[in-house]
Amino acid sequence: MTDLLYLPDADDVTSFTATVVEATDEYVVLDGTYFYPEGGGQPPDHGELSWPGGRAEIEGARKDHGDVRHEVAEIAGDPPEAGTTVEAEIDAERRATLSRMHTAQHVVSRVVLDEYGAETAGNQVGAERSRIDFEPADFDDADLERIERLSNEALDRDLEVEKENRPRERVEREVDEGRALLGLIPDSVDPLRVVEIEEFDMCPCGGTHVDSLGDVGRIEVVDRTSKGAEVERIAFELREN
């Protein structure tokens, strides 16, 4: 089983050393990794693995029965043998962008829940644009302007973002209704990794995040789409401060 080293609060690490457990021309499994495997609406990290006599460009990472398979886009040399030490480099710029985006998603979701009573039914974080589905919701242009303004006001407060493991029972007791799809998380997952924005939001989440809201930038709502009865999709992008 691959140790997810970025949890609970090391999601700023983008260079590390690890040992190969299994390797083919298509994927590499390590004993531990800081690569984020796709999940929770966040795409996987990209990067590179290198070892004496070889190198592999990694185009993604995905969980597979407890392991993380680092997906090989291109390989130079033969795949490393089990037990080989590799040097890993994650695309730090991409990681930072996705961390900013995912934190921004939490902020927008909190604002919409507080102001409109709409829960986050799904989300997809992207390097260029992200989207959130809300239910029940029926936004107009004035609503979108208000959501954008209130989200940026929250970012202006530069609140601390804390990431830690907490007992499931405590999370179930403390998380606000509408901010966790706990029914989708198997009961066996305990503790839960929680992302808490001080005095603003708390949500179980395994994704990567910034350490302070001041690192996010500015949210710009760029699109709204109806996805069915009482379901609205908001798309947003990030701008520099």
C-alpha atoms as a PDB file:
ATOM      1  CA  MET A   1       0.000   0.000   0.000  1.00  0.00           C
ATOM      2  CA  THR A   2       1.349   3.414  -0.987  1.00  0.00           C
ATOM      3  CA  ASP A   3       1.804   5.863   1.881  1.00  0.00           C
ATOM      4  CA  LEU A   4       0.133   9.190   0.984  1.00  0.00           C
ATOM      5  CA  LEU A   5       2.865  11.435   2.300  1.00  0.00           C
ATOM      6  CA  TYR A   6       1.150  14.741   1.491  1.00  0.00           C
ATOM      7  CA  LEU A   7      -1.486  14.012   4.140  1.00  0.00           C
ATOM      8  CA  PRO A   8      -2.506  15.585   6.363  1.00  0.00           C
ATOM      9  CA  ASP A   9      -0.589  18.858   5.927  1.00  0.00           C
ATOM     10  CA  ALA A  10       2.460  18.353   3.690  1.00  0.00           C
ATOM     11  CA  ASP A  11       0.796  19.338   0.423  1.00  0.00           C
ATOM     12  CA  ASP A  12       3.472  21.940  -0.272  1.00  0.00           C
ATOM     13  CA  VAL A  13       6.187  19.283  -0.822  1.00  0.00           C
ATOM     14  CA  THR A  14       7.058  18.782  -4.493  1.00  0.00           C
ATOM     15  CA  SER A  15      10.476  17.044  -4.328  1.00  0.00           C
ATOM     16  CA  PHE A  16      11.115  13.741  -2.563  1.00  0.00           C
ATOM     17  CA  THR A  17      12.916  10.396  -2.628  1.00  0.00           C
ATOM     18  CA  ALA A  18      11.087   7.066  -2.637  1.00  0.00           C
ATOM     19  CA  THR A  19      11.574   3.353  -3.274  1.00  0.00           C
ATOM     20  CA  VAL A  20      10.066   1.477  -6.208  1.00  0.00           C
ATOM     21  CA  VAL A  21       7.597  -1.284  -5.316  1.00  0.00           C
ATOM     22  CA  GLU A  22       6.560  -2.169  -8.873  1.00  0.00           C
ATOM     23  CA  ALA A  23       7.250  -0.706 -12.305  1.00  0.00           C
ATOM     24  CA  THR A  24       6.233  -1.291 -15.921  1.00  0.00           C
ATOM     25  CA  ASP A  25       6.400   0.773 -19.097  1.00  0.00           C
ATOM     26  CA  GLU A  26       2.958   2.142 -18.154  1.00  0.00           C
ATOM     27  CA  TYR A  27       3.155   2.907 -14.443  1.00  0.00           C
ATOM     28  CA  VAL A  28       5.361   3.030 -11.338  1.00  0.00           C
ATOM     29  CA  VAL A  29       4.278   2.213  -7.783  1.00  0.00           C
ATOM     30  CA  LEU A  30       6.305   3.714  -4.921  1.00  0.00           C
ATOM     31  CA  ASP A  31       6.365   2.912  -1.231  1.00  0.00           C
ATOM     32  CA  GLY A  32       5.272   6.482  -0.506  1.00  0.00           C
ATOM     33  CA  THR A  33       4.349   9.500  -2.612  1.00  0.00           C
ATOM     34  CA  TYR A  34       3.593  13.197  -2.498  1.00  0.00           C
ATOM     35  CA  PHE A  35       1.909  13.006  -5.929  1.00  0.00           C
ATOM     36  CA  TYR A  36      -1.792  13.734  -5.599  1.00  0.00           C
ATOM     37  CA  PRO A  37      -3.851  10.894  -7.124  1.00  0.00           C
ATOM     38  CA  GLU A  38      -6.944  12.008  -8.975  1.00  0.00           C
ATOM     39  CA  GLY A  39     -10.030  12.193  -6.778  1.00  0.00           C
ATOM     40  CA  GLY A  40     -12.494  14.440  -4.992  1.00  0.00           C
ATOM     41  CA  GLY A  41     -12.898  16.614  -8.058  1.00  0.00           C
ATOM     42  CA  GLN A  42      -9.179  17.402  -8.239  1.00  0.00           C
ATOM     43  CA  PRO A  43      -7.023  16.165 -11.146  1.00  0.00           C
ATOM     44  CA  PRO A  44      -3.730  14.366 -10.488  1.00  0.00           C
ATOM     45  CA  ASP A  45      -0.284  15.870 -10.263  1.00  0.00           C
ATOM     46  CA  HIS A  46       2.186  15.730 -13.128  1.00  0.00           C
ATOM     47  CA  GLY A  47       5.945  15.422 -12.765  1.00  0.00           C
ATOM     48  CA  GLU A  48       9.006  13.251 -13.245  1.00  0.00           C
ATOM     49  CA  LEU A  49      10.769  10.264 -11.700  1.00  0.00           C
ATOM     50  CA  SER A  50      14.468   9.649 -12.245  1.00  0.00           C
ATOM     51  CA  TRP A  51      16.887   6.899 -11.253  1.00  0.00           C
ATOM     52  CA  PRO A  52      20.387   5.807 -12.311  1.00  0.00           C
ATOM     53  CA  GLY A  53      20.101   5.094 -16.023  1.00  0.00           C
ATOM     54  CA  GLY A  54      16.503   6.137 -16.476  1.00  0.00           C
ATOM     55  CA  ARG A  55      13.788   8.733 -16.283  1.00  0.00           C
ATOM     56  CA  ALA A  56       9.994   8.728 -16.578  1.00  0.00           C
ATOM     57  CA  GLU A  57       7.627  11.585 -17.322  1.00  0.00           C
ATOM     58  CA  ILE A  58       4.554  11.195 -15.121  1.00  0.00           C
ATOM     59  CA  GLU A  59       1.257  12.400 -16.589  1.00  0.00           C
ATOM     60  CA  GLY A  60      -0.981  11.454 -13.684  1.00  0.00           C
ATOM     61  CA  ALA A  61      -1.487   9.354 -10.574  1.00  0.00           C
ATOM     62  CA  ARG A  62      -4.414   7.151  -9.610  1.00  0.00           C
ATOM     63  CA  LYS A  63      -5.314   4.908  -6.706  1.00  0.00           C
ATOM     64  CA  ASP A  64      -5.488   1.171  -7.376  1.00  0.00           C
ATOM     65  CA  HIS A  65      -6.468  -1.118  -4.489  1.00  0.00           C
ATOM     66  CA  GLY A  66      -4.456   0.884  -1.965  1.00  0.00           C
ATOM     67  CA  ASP A  67      -1.532   1.581  -4.256  1.00  0.00           C
ATOM     68  CA  VAL A  68      -0.898   4.760  -6.235  1.00  0.00           C
ATOM     69  CA  ARG A  69       0.037   4.132  -9.845  1.00  0.00           C
ATOM     70  CA  HIS A  70       2.169   6.941 -11.264  1.00  0.00           C
ATOM     71  CA  GLU A  71       1.177   6.902 -14.926  1.00  0.00           C
ATOM     72  CA  VAL A  72       4.070   7.021 -17.371  1.00  0.00           C
ATOM     73  CA  ALA A  73       3.713   9.254 -20.431  1.00  0.00           C
ATOM     74  CA  GLU A  74       7.274   8.714 -21.640  1.00  0.00           C
ATOM     75  CA  ILE A  75      10.167   6.643 -20.329  1.00  0.00           C
ATOM     76  CA  ALA A  76      13.883   6.734 -21.056  1.00  0.00           C
ATOM     77  CA  GLY A  77      15.683   3.468 -20.319  1.00  0.00           C
ATOM     78  CA  ASP A  78      14.201   0.347 -18.795  1.00  0.00           C
ATOM     79  CA  PRO A  79      11.619   0.559 -15.976  1.00  0.00           C
ATOM     80  CA  PRO A  80      13.322   0.629 -12.567  1.00  0.00           C
ATOM     81  CA  GLU A  81      13.476  -2.633 -10.650  1.00  0.00           C
ATOM     82  CA  ALA A  82      11.707  -3.084  -7.317  1.00  0.00           C
ATOM     83  CA  GLY A  83      13.880  -1.667  -4.551  1.00  0.00           C
ATOM     84  CA  THR A  84      15.362   1.082  -6.728  1.00  0.00           C
ATOM     85  CA  THR A  85      15.583   4.538  -5.171  1.00  0.00           C
ATOM     86  CA  VAL A  86      14.038   7.243  -7.346  1.00  0.00           C
ATOM     87  CA  GLU A  87      14.104  11.020  -7.201  1.00  0.00           C
ATOM     88  CA  ALA A  88      10.663  12.533  -7.728  1.00  0.00           C
ATOM     89  CA  GLU A  89       9.794  16.036  -8.901  1.00  0.00           C
ATOM     90  CA  ILE A  90       6.187  17.197  -8.988  1.00  0.00           C
ATOM     91  CA  ASP A  91       5.233  20.046 -11.333  1.00  0.00           C
ATOM     92  CA  ALA A  92       5.256  22.677  -8.591  1.00  0.00           C
ATOM     93  CA  GLU A  93       3.500  25.386 -10.605  1.00  0.00           C
ATOM     94  CA  ARG A  94       0.621  23.069 -11.495  1.00  0.00           C
ATOM     95  CA  ARG A  95       0.354  21.853  -7.886  1.00  0.00           C
ATOM     96  CA  ALA A  96       0.224  25.441  -6.604  1.00  0.00           C
ATOM     97  CA  THR A  97      -2.473  26.379  -9.108  1.00  0.00           C
ATOM     98  CA  LEU A  98      -4.645  23.383  -8.221  1.00  0.00           C
ATOM     99  CA  SER A  99      -4.177  24.081  -4.502  1.00  0.00           C
ATOM    100  CA  ARG A 100      -5.332  27.663  -5.014  1.00  0.00           C
ATOM    101  CA  MET A 101      -8.289  26.504  -7.093  1.00  0.00           C
ATOM    102  CA  HIS A 102      -9.385  23.855  -4.593  1.00  0.00           C
ATOM    103  CA  THR A 103      -9.255  26.308  -1.708  1.00  0.00           C
ATOM    104  CA  ALA A 104     -11.234  28.814  -3.776  1.00  0.00           C
ATOM    105  CA  GLN A 105     -13.858  26.123  -4.349  1.00  0.00           C
ATOM    106  CA  HIS A 106     -14.265  25.712  -0.585  1.00  0.00           C
ATOM    107  CA  VAL A 107     -14.729  29.470  -0.220  1.00  0.00           C
ATOM    108  CA  VAL A 108     -17.376  29.719  -2.956  1.00  0.00           C
ATOM    109  CA  SER A 109     -19.185  26.641  -1.610  1.00  0.00           C
ATOM    110  CA  ARG A 110     -19.296  28.177   1.876  1.00  0.00           C
ATOM    111  CA  VAL A 111     -20.586  31.511   0.593  1.00  0.00           C
ATOM    112  CA  VAL A 112     -23.352  29.900  -1.445  1.00  0.00           C
ATOM    113  CA  LEU A 113     -24.407  27.651   1.437  1.00  0.00           C
ATOM    114  CA  ASP A 114     -24.542  30.582   3.861  1.00  0.00           C
ATOM    115  CA  GLU A 115     -26.288  33.033   1.537  1.00  0.00           C
ATOM    116  CA  TYR A 116     -28.575  30.786  -0.518  1.00  0.00           C
ATOM    117  CA  GLY A 117     -28.855  27.526   1.423  1.00  0.00           C
ATOM    118  CA  ALA A 118     -27.601  25.564  -1.588  1.00  0.00           C
ATOM    119  CA  GLU A 119     -25.326  22.578  -1.052  1.00  0.00           C
ATOM    120  CA  THR A 120     -22.380  21.565  -3.206  1.00  0.00           C
ATOM    121  CA  ALA A 121     -23.609  18.577  -5.206  1.00  0.00           C
ATOM    122  CA  GLY A 122     -20.355  18.157  -7.131  1.00  0.00           C
ATOM    123  CA  ASN A 123     -17.269  20.002  -8.234  1.00  0.00           C
ATOM    124  CA  GLN A 124     -14.370  19.775 -10.672  1.00  0.00           C
ATOM    125  CA  VAL A 125     -11.153  21.678 -10.035  1.00  0.00           C
ATOM    126  CA  GLY A 126      -9.053  22.620 -13.063  1.00  0.00           C
ATOM    127  CA  ALA A 127      -5.794  24.413 -13.709  1.00  0.00           C
ATOM    128  CA  GLU A 128      -7.525  27.047 -15.848  1.00  0.00           C
ATOM    129  CA  ARG A 129     -11.162  26.951 -14.770  1.00  0.00           C
ATOM    130  CA  SER A 130     -13.150  25.208 -12.031  1.00  0.00           C
ATOM    131  CA  ARG A 131     -16.834  24.496 -11.588  1.00  0.00           C
ATOM    132  CA  ILE A 132     -19.275  23.735  -8.770  1.00  0.00           C
ATOM    133  CA  ASP A 133     -22.792  22.302  -8.971  1.00  0.00           C
ATOM    134  CA  PHE A 134     -25.239  23.676  -6.397  1.00  0.00           C
ATOM    135  CA  GLU A 135     -28.594  22.297  -5.318  1.00  0.00           C
ATOM    136  CA  PRO A 136     -31.227  23.632  -4.845  1.00  0.00           C
ATOM    137  CA  ALA A 137     -30.320  26.801  -6.707  1.00  0.00           C
ATOM    138  CA  ASP A 138     -31.636  29.235  -9.308  1.00  0.00           C
ATOM    139  CA  PHE A 139     -29.138  32.079  -9.654  1.00  0.00           C
ATOM    140  CA  ASP A 140     -29.458  35.251 -11.697  1.00  0.00           C
ATOM    141  CA  ASP A 141     -26.758  37.706 -12.745  1.00  0.00           C
ATOM    142  CA  ALA A 142     -27.094  39.719  -9.540  1.00  0.00           C
ATOM    143  CA  ASP A 143     -26.596  36.536  -7.512  1.00  0.00           C
ATOM    144  CA  LEU A 144     -23.397  35.729  -9.398  1.00  0.00           C
ATOM    145  CA  GLU A 145     -22.041  39.216  -8.759  1.00  0.00           C
ATOM    146  CA  ARG A 146     -22.868  38.857  -5.064  1.00  0.00           C
ATOM    147  CA  ILE A 147     -21.247  35.404  -4.818  1.00  0.00           C
ATOM    148  CA  GLU A 148     -18.093  36.743  -6.465  1.00  0.00           C
ATOM    149  CA  ARG A 149     -17.970  39.808  -4.208  1.00  0.00           C
ATOM    150  CA  LEU A 150     -18.525  37.899  -0.974  1.00  0.00           C
ATOM    151  CA  SER A 151     -16.002  35.228  -1.949  1.00  0.00           C
ATOM    152  CA  ASN A 152     -13.341  37.842  -2.604  1.00  0.00           C
ATOM    153  CA  GLU A 153     -14.160  39.599   0.638  1.00  0.00           C
ATOM    154  CA  ALA A 154     -13.452  36.307   2.409  1.00  0.00           C
ATOM    155  CA  LEU A 155     -10.131  36.005   0.569  1.00  0.00           C
ATOM    156  CA  ASP A 156      -9.241  39.548   1.621  1.00  0.00           C
ATOM    157  CA  ARG A 157      -9.393  38.414   5.254  1.00  0.00           C
ATOM    158  CA  ASP A 158      -6.355  36.178   4.580  1.00  0.00           C
ATOM    159  CA  LEU A 159      -7.600  33.524   6.995  1.00  0.00           C
ATOM    160  CA  GLU A 160      -5.418  30.567   7.962  1.00  0.00           C
ATOM    161  CA  VAL A 161      -6.158  27.226   6.302  1.00  0.00           C
ATOM    162  CA  GLU A 162      -5.531  24.285   8.639  1.00  0.00           C
ATOM    163  CA  LYS A 163      -5.272  20.683   7.435  1.00  0.00           C
ATOM    164  CA  GLU A 164      -5.317  17.838   9.935  1.00  0.00           C
ATOM    165  CA  ASN A 165      -6.682  14.365  10.665  1.00  0.00           C
ATOM    166  CA  ARG A 166      -9.591  14.295  13.113  1.00  0.00           C
ATOM    167  CA  PRO A 167     -11.681  11.460  14.583  1.00  0.00           C
ATOM    168  CA  ARG A 168     -14.672  10.746  12.376  1.00  0.00           C
ATOM    169  CA  GLU A 169     -17.072  11.072  15.301  1.00  0.00           C
ATOM    170  CA  ARG A 170     -15.820  14.604  15.965  1.00  0.00           C
ATOM    171  CA  VAL A 171     -16.129  15.577  12.302  1.00  0.00           C
ATOM    172  CA  GLU A 172     -19.665  14.223  12.078  1.00  0.00           C
ATOM    173  CA  ARG A 173     -20.554  16.226  15.192  1.00  0.00           C
ATOM    174  CA  GLU A 174     -18.929  19.509  14.168  1.00  0.00           C
ATOM    175  CA  VAL A 175     -19.315  19.822  10.400  1.00  0.00           C
ATOM    176  CA  ASP A 176     -22.201  22.022   9.258  1.00  0.00           C
ATOM    177  CA  GLU A 177     -25.063  20.416   7.400  1.00  0.00           C
ATOM    178  CA  GLY A 178     -24.487  20.862   3.701  1.00  0.00           C
ATOM    179  CA  ARG A 179     -20.675  20.937   3.907  1.00  0.00           C
ATOM    180  CA  ALA A 180     -19.933  17.208   3.819  1.00  0.00           C
ATOM    181  CA  LEU A 181     -21.153  14.225   1.841  1.00  0.00           C
ATOM    182  CA  LEU A 182     -20.205  11.899   4.666  1.00  0.00           C
ATOM    183  CA  GLY A 183     -22.539   9.217   3.409  1.00  0.00           C
ATOM    184  CA  LEU A 184     -20.215   8.748   0.432  1.00  0.00           C
ATOM    185  CA  ILE A 185     -17.192   8.141   2.669  1.00  0.00           C
ATOM    186  CA  PRO A 186     -16.984   4.527   3.920  1.00  0.00           C
ATOM    187  CA  ASP A 187     -17.454   4.163   7.679  1.00  0.00           C
ATOM    188  CA  SER A 188     -14.053   2.481   7.832  1.00  0.00           C
ATOM    189  CA  VAL A 189     -12.336   5.777   6.968  1.00  0.00           C
ATOM    190  CA  ASP A 190     -11.412   7.085  10.406  1.00  0.00           C
ATOM    191  CA  PRO A 191      -9.836   9.519  11.104  1.00  0.00           C
ATOM    192  CA  LEU A 192     -10.927  11.939   8.399  1.00  0.00           C
ATOM    193  CA  ARG A 193      -8.641  14.529   6.910  1.00  0.00           C
ATOM    194  CA  VAL A 194     -10.238  17.938   7.465  1.00  0.00           C
ATOM    195  CA  VAL A 195      -9.593  21.312   5.854  1.00  0.00           C
ATOM    196  CA  GLU A 196     -10.622  24.187   8.124  1.00  0.00           C
ATOM    197  CA  ILE A 197     -10.567  27.865   7.235  1.00  0.00           C
ATOM    198  CA  GLU A 198     -10.454  29.646  10.568  1.00  0.00           C
ATOM    199  CA  GLU A 199     -13.822  30.975  11.741  1.00  0.00           C
ATOM    200  CA  PHE A 200     -15.237  30.488   8.229  1.00  0.00           C
ATOM    201  CA  ASP A 201     -15.507  26.898   7.003  1.00  0.00           C
ATOM    202  CA  MET A 202     -14.702  23.288   7.857  1.00  0.00           C
ATOM    203  CA  CYS A 203     -15.014  20.351   5.498  1.00  0.00           C
ATOM    204  CA  PRO A 204     -13.562  16.830   5.234  1.00  0.00           C
ATOM    205  CA  CYS A 205     -11.389  16.846   2.117  1.00  0.00           C
ATOM    206  CA  GLY A 206      -8.338  14.975   0.860  1.00  0.00           C
ATOM    207  CA  GLY A 207      -7.243  17.536  -1.730  1.00  0.00           C
ATOM    208  CA  THR A 208      -4.322  19.938  -1.749  1.00  0.00           C
ATOM    209  CA  HIS A 209      -4.801  23.462  -0.407  1.00  0.00           C
ATOM    210  CA  VAL A 210      -2.930  26.662   0.314  1.00  0.00           C
ATOM    211  CA  ASP A 211      -2.020  27.616   3.878  1.00  0.00           C
ATOM    212  CA  SER A 212      -3.707  31.009   3.845  1.00  0.00           C
ATOM    213  CA  LEU A 213      -6.559  32.552   1.854  1.00  0.00           C
ATOM    214  CA  GLY A 214      -4.277  35.401   0.841  1.00  0.00           C
ATOM    215  CA  ASP A 215      -2.446  32.925  -1.398  1.00  0.00           C
ATOM    216  CA  VAL A 216      -5.505  32.192  -3.552  1.00  0.00           C
ATOM    217  CA  GLY A 217      -5.724  35.373  -5.634  1.00  0.00           C
ATOM    218  CA  ARG A 218      -9.058  36.757  -6.844  1.00  0.00           C
ATOM    219  CA  ILE A 219     -12.110  34.736  -7.830  1.00  0.00           C
ATOM    220  CA  GLU A 220     -13.919  35.688 -11.027  1.00  0.00           C
ATOM    221  CA  VAL A 221     -17.243  33.968 -11.758  1.00  0.00           C
ATOM    222  CA  VAL A 222     -17.275  33.469 -15.529  1.00  0.00           C
ATOM    223  CA  ASP A 223     -20.286  31.279 -16.323  1.00  0.00           C
ATOM    224  CA  ARG A 224     -23.544  29.827 -15.051  1.00  0.00           C
ATOM    225  CA  THR A 225     -25.360  26.812 -16.501  1.00  0.00           C
ATOM    226  CA  SER A 226     -28.584  25.104 -15.530  1.00  0.00           C
ATOM    227  CA  LYS A 227     -27.960  21.375 -15.043  1.00  0.00           C
ATOM    228  CA  GLY A 228     -31.566  20.365 -14.434  1.00  0.00           C
ATOM    229  CA  ALA A 229     -34.302  21.058 -11.940  1.00  0.00           C
ATOM    230  CA  GLU A 230     -32.874  23.240  -9.137  1.00  0.00           C
ATOM    231  CA  VAL A 231     -29.254  22.459 -10.057  1.00  0.00           C
ATOM    232  CA  GLU A 232     -27.005  25.336 -11.093  1.00  0.00           C
ATOM    233  CA  ARG A 233     -23.377  25.087 -12.210  1.00  0.00           C
ATOM    234  CA  ILE A 234     -21.063  28.009 -11.526  1.00  0.00           C
ATOM    235  CA  ALA A 235     -17.699  28.237 -13.292  1.00  0.00           C
ATOM    236  CA  PHE A 236     -14.917  30.433 -11.976  1.00  0.00           C
ATOM    237  CA  GLU A 237     -11.341  31.370 -12.742  1.00  0.00           C
ATOM    238  CA  LEU A 238      -8.597  32.893 -10.627  1.00  0.00           C
ATOM    239  CA  ARG A 239      -6.808  36.188 -11.149  1.00  0.00           C
ATOM    240  CA  GLU A 240      -3.700  37.507  -9.478  1.00  0.00           C
ATOM    241  CA  ASN A 241      -4.187  39.962  -6.616  1.00  0.00           C
END
